[in-house]
Amino acid sequence: MDNIPFTMSMAYVLREMSGGMTNADLLWWALSLEACLGGNFTLIGTSANIVASAVAEREGYRISFLTFLKYGTPVAVLSTGSALLRL
């Protein structure tokens, strides 16, 4: 499942879960941040990554899953870490 439809589906679940919670803001922030930042981790994390890979391959540059993982992991870790520091 792509990240945006997943986020939309989980928003309904989170709304129901957070009904009795006094401080559900952190859950909402976690859902919204990871919807975008989690896509940096793997090639199949978002549709945009798959499209970019296909365009690159059409132009003669092959981006393998492991190559994307090699570069995507530090980006995902740093962006997620910086988002956590802001919370």
C-alpha atoms as a PDB file:
ATOM      1  CA  MET A   1       0.000   0.000   0.000  1.00  0.00           C
ATOM      2  CA  ASP A   2       1.299   3.450  -0.876  1.00  0.00           C
ATOM      3  CA  ASN A   3       2.067   5.907   1.920  1.00  0.00           C
ATOM      4  CA  ILE A   4      -0.719   8.425   1.265  1.00  0.00           C
ATOM      5  CA  PRO A   5      -3.633   5.936   1.123  1.00  0.00           C
ATOM      6  CA  PHE A   6      -2.172   4.261   4.214  1.00  0.00           C
ATOM      7  CA  THR A   7      -2.023   7.605   6.030  1.00  0.00           C
ATOM      8  CA  MET A   8      -5.601   8.420   5.085  1.00  0.00           C
ATOM      9  CA  SER A   9      -6.758   5.020   6.328  1.00  0.00           C
ATOM     10  CA  MET A  10      -4.783   5.295   9.559  1.00  0.00           C
ATOM     11  CA  ALA A  11      -6.123   8.819  10.210  1.00  0.00           C
ATOM     12  CA  TYR A  12      -9.574   7.325  10.780  1.00  0.00           C
ATOM     13  CA  VAL A  13      -8.131   4.646  13.049  1.00  0.00           C
ATOM     14  CA  LEU A  14      -6.062   7.187  14.967  1.00  0.00           C
ATOM     15  CA  ARG A  15      -9.052   9.488  15.390  1.00  0.00           C
ATOM     16  CA  GLU A  16     -11.030   6.639  16.951  1.00  0.00           C
ATOM     17  CA  MET A  17      -8.107   5.554  19.140  1.00  0.00           C
ATOM     18  CA  SER A  18      -7.309   9.039  20.364  1.00  0.00           C
ATOM     19  CA  GLY A  19     -10.872   9.806  21.468  1.00  0.00           C
ATOM     20  CA  GLY A  20     -10.120   9.091  25.120  1.00  0.00           C
ATOM     21  CA  MET A  21      -6.477  10.171  25.126  1.00  0.00           C
ATOM     22  CA  THR A  22      -5.460  13.458  26.658  1.00  0.00           C
ATOM     23  CA  ASN A  23      -2.299  13.928  24.577  1.00  0.00           C
ATOM     24  CA  ALA A  24      -2.682  12.355  21.150  1.00  0.00           C
ATOM     25  CA  ASP A  25      -0.668  15.068  19.370  1.00  0.00           C
ATOM     26  CA  LEU A  26       2.463  12.914  19.297  1.00  0.00           C
ATOM     27  CA  LEU A  27       0.582  10.130  17.514  1.00  0.00           C
ATOM     28  CA  TRP A  28      -0.677  12.547  14.869  1.00  0.00           C
ATOM     29  CA  TRP A  29       2.813  13.982  14.379  1.00  0.00           C
ATOM     30  CA  ALA A  30       4.303  10.485  14.103  1.00  0.00           C
ATOM     31  CA  LEU A  31       1.751   9.475  11.480  1.00  0.00           C
ATOM     32  CA  SER A  32       2.187  12.613   9.394  1.00  0.00           C
ATOM     33  CA  LEU A  33       5.984  12.661   9.549  1.00  0.00           C
ATOM     34  CA  GLU A  34       6.482   9.006   8.740  1.00  0.00           C
ATOM     35  CA  ALA A  35       4.020   9.193   5.863  1.00  0.00           C
ATOM     36  CA  CYS A  36       6.558  11.352   4.064  1.00  0.00           C
ATOM     37  CA  LEU A  37       9.885  10.518   5.667  1.00  0.00           C
ATOM     38  CA  GLY A  38       9.433   6.749   5.533  1.00  0.00           C
ATOM     39  CA  GLY A  39       9.354   6.889   1.746  1.00  0.00           C
ATOM     40  CA  ASN A  40      13.025   7.896   1.747  1.00  0.00           C
ATOM     41  CA  PHE A  41      14.090   4.493   3.036  1.00  0.00           C
ATOM     42  CA  THR A  42      13.395   2.115   0.154  1.00  0.00           C
ATOM     43  CA  LEU A  43      12.827   2.272  -3.577  1.00  0.00           C
ATOM     44  CA  ILE A  44       9.271   1.002  -3.182  1.00  0.00           C
ATOM     45  CA  GLY A  45       8.553   3.406  -0.299  1.00  0.00           C
ATOM     46  CA  THR A  46       6.584   5.802  -2.489  1.00  0.00           C
ATOM     47  CA  SER A  47       5.226   5.929  -5.995  1.00  0.00           C
ATOM     48  CA  ALA A  48       7.520   8.855  -6.778  1.00  0.00           C
ATOM     49  CA  ASN A  49      10.578   6.689  -6.106  1.00  0.00           C
ATOM     50  CA  ILE A  50       9.348   4.046  -8.536  1.00  0.00           C
ATOM     51  CA  VAL A  51       8.606   6.642 -11.212  1.00  0.00           C
ATOM     52  CA  ALA A  52      12.021   8.294 -10.732  1.00  0.00           C
ATOM     53  CA  SER A  53      13.707   4.899 -11.004  1.00  0.00           C
ATOM     54  CA  ALA A  54      11.855   4.117 -14.227  1.00  0.00           C
ATOM     55  CA  VAL A  55      12.747   7.499 -15.738  1.00  0.00           C
ATOM     56  CA  ALA A  56      16.397   7.067 -14.726  1.00  0.00           C
ATOM     57  CA  GLU A  57      16.481   3.581 -16.260  1.00  0.00           C
ATOM     58  CA  ARG A  58      14.936   4.885 -19.477  1.00  0.00           C
ATOM     59  CA  GLU A  59      17.791   7.421 -19.623  1.00  0.00           C
ATOM     60  CA  GLY A  60      20.378   4.680 -19.116  1.00  0.00           C
ATOM     61  CA  TYR A  61      20.913   4.858 -15.342  1.00  0.00           C
ATOM     62  CA  ARG A  62      19.844   1.759 -13.455  1.00  0.00           C
ATOM     63  CA  ILE A  63      19.012   2.256  -9.772  1.00  0.00           C
ATOM     64  CA  SER A  64      18.821  -1.093  -8.008  1.00  0.00           C
ATOM     65  CA  PHE A  65      16.922  -1.696  -4.788  1.00  0.00           C
ATOM     66  CA  LEU A  66      20.176  -2.116  -2.847  1.00  0.00           C
ATOM     67  CA  THR A  67      21.715   1.035  -4.345  1.00  0.00           C
ATOM     68  CA  PHE A  68      18.656   3.043  -3.337  1.00  0.00           C
ATOM     69  CA  LEU A  69      18.759   1.458   0.119  1.00  0.00           C
ATOM     70  CA  LYS A  70      22.439   2.404   0.461  1.00  0.00           C
ATOM     71  CA  TYR A  71      21.702   6.076  -0.165  1.00  0.00           C
ATOM     72  CA  GLY A  72      18.173   6.167   1.223  1.00  0.00           C
ATOM     73  CA  THR A  73      18.993   4.756   4.652  1.00  0.00           C
ATOM     74  CA  PRO A  74      21.158   7.681   5.830  1.00  0.00           C
ATOM     75  CA  VAL A  75      18.627  10.165   4.449  1.00  0.00           C
ATOM     76  CA  ALA A  76      15.753   8.397   6.227  1.00  0.00           C
ATOM     77  CA  VAL A  77      17.684   8.099   9.500  1.00  0.00           C
ATOM     78  CA  LEU A  78      18.799  11.746   9.488  1.00  0.00           C
ATOM     79  CA  SER A  79      15.427  13.169   8.490  1.00  0.00           C
ATOM     80  CA  THR A  80      13.550  11.014  10.984  1.00  0.00           C
ATOM     81  CA  GLY A  81      16.072  11.842  13.699  1.00  0.00           C
ATOM     82  CA  SER A  82      15.783  15.557  13.063  1.00  0.00           C
ATOM     83  CA  ALA A  83      11.984  15.297  13.125  1.00  0.00           C
ATOM     84  CA  LEU A  84      12.157  13.489  16.463  1.00  0.00           C
ATOM     85  CA  LEU A  85      14.378  16.205  17.888  1.00  0.00           C
ATOM     86  CA  ARG A  86      11.765  18.804  16.985  1.00  0.00           C
ATOM     87  CA  LEU A  87       9.081  16.928  18.929  1.00  0.00           C
END
